[in-house]
Amino acid sequence: MGKIIEVECPLCHSSLWIDTKKKTVIQHEKPKKKNFESFDTLLMKEKEKKQKADERFVLARELEKEKKKKAEDIFKKSIKGQK
């Protein structure tokens, strides 16, 4: 076995390990896919996330108001029952 070198393919960017004595490829590894998105797409996704978070916040606030109102009603009924 001769010296082993690593080379990157200029076309597909795969890594190749080559035995220099035998002049054969011993191992190859495909490149990891890079997920590039346009800036506009990323910006749109962030706006959607913010909008959904705002909607969840509003729903949580409304739910909290309903809980408070129910608690006040129960309190008022209990005060009327004690008189």
Protein backbone atom coordinates (compact mmCIF):
# COMPACT_ATOMS: atom_id res chain seq x y z
CA MET A 1 0.00 0.00 0.00
CA GLY A 2 1.41 3.36 -0.99
CA LYS A 3 0.76 6.84 0.25
CA ILE A 4 -2.92 7.77 0.58
CA ILE A 5 -4.01 11.23 -0.42
CA GLU A 6 -7.35 12.98 -0.22
CA VAL A 7 -8.59 14.86 -3.27
CA GLU A 8 -11.74 16.86 -3.85
CA CYS A 9 -13.53 16.36 -7.14
CA PRO A 10 -13.85 19.75 -8.89
CA LEU A 11 -17.20 18.82 -10.44
CA CYS A 12 -19.23 17.22 -7.66
CA HIS A 13 -17.07 18.22 -4.65
CA SER A 14 -16.88 14.64 -3.38
CA SER A 15 -13.87 13.62 -1.32
CA LEU A 16 -11.75 10.86 -2.82
CA TRP A 17 -9.04 8.89 -1.00
CA ILE A 18 -6.51 7.61 -3.50
CA ASP A 19 -3.72 5.06 -3.06
CA THR A 20 -0.80 6.58 -5.00
CA LYS A 21 1.02 3.28 -5.46
CA LYS A 22 -1.94 1.31 -6.83
CA LYS A 23 -3.47 4.43 -8.43
CA THR A 24 -6.95 3.47 -7.28
CA VAL A 25 -9.69 5.14 -5.32
CA ILE A 26 -9.89 3.48 -1.91
CA GLN A 27 -12.82 5.42 -0.53
CA HIS A 28 -15.16 8.21 -1.57
CA GLU A 29 -17.56 10.41 0.30
CA LYS A 30 -20.36 12.46 -1.17
CA PRO A 31 -20.50 16.09 -0.09
CA LYS A 32 -23.02 17.18 2.46
CA LYS A 33 -25.83 19.02 0.76
CA LYS A 34 -25.93 22.69 1.55
CA ASN A 35 -29.35 24.16 1.86
CA PHE A 36 -29.14 27.68 0.54
CA GLU A 37 -32.30 29.67 0.50
CA SER A 38 -32.84 33.15 -0.74
CA PHE A 39 -32.84 35.99 1.72
CA ASP A 40 -36.43 36.80 0.80
CA THR A 41 -37.54 33.25 1.63
CA LEU A 42 -35.83 33.35 5.01
CA LEU A 43 -37.31 36.76 5.75
CA MET A 44 -40.80 35.54 4.85
CA LYS A 45 -40.41 32.51 7.13
CA GLU A 46 -39.33 34.73 10.03
CA LYS A 47 -42.33 37.02 9.48
CA GLU A 48 -44.64 33.99 9.54
CA LYS A 49 -43.05 32.78 12.79
CA LYS A 50 -43.53 36.20 14.35
CA GLN A 51 -47.14 36.36 13.20
CA LYS A 52 -47.89 32.93 14.66
CA ALA A 53 -46.23 33.87 17.94
CA ASP A 54 -48.30 37.07 18.10
CA GLU A 55 -51.48 35.06 17.46
CA ARG A 56 -50.61 32.61 20.24
CA PHE A 57 -49.94 35.53 22.58
CA VAL A 58 -53.33 37.09 21.82
CA LEU A 59 -55.09 33.76 22.37
CA ALA A 60 -53.28 33.24 25.67
CA ARG A 61 -54.25 36.75 26.79
CA GLU A 62 -57.92 36.12 25.93
CA LEU A 63 -57.84 32.82 27.81
CA GLU A 64 -56.36 34.56 30.84
CA LYS A 65 -59.13 37.21 30.72
CA GLU A 66 -61.78 34.46 30.62
CA LYS A 67 -60.18 32.71 33.61
CA LYS A 68 -60.10 35.97 35.55
CA LYS A 69 -63.76 36.66 34.74
CA LYS A 70 -64.81 33.17 35.85
CA ALA A 71 -62.85 33.55 39.10
CA GLU A 72 -64.52 36.92 39.77
CA ASP A 73 -67.95 35.41 39.10
CA ILE A 74 -67.29 32.54 41.49
CA PHE A 75 -66.04 35.00 44.11
CA LYS A 76 -69.13 37.21 43.75
CA LYS A 77 -71.42 34.18 44.03
CA SER A 78 -69.65 32.98 47.15
CA ILE A 79 -69.97 36.44 48.76
CA LYS A 80 -73.71 36.54 47.97
CA GLY A 81 -74.10 33.07 49.47
CA GLN A 82 -72.53 34.13 52.76
CA LYS A 83 -74.91 37.09 53.31
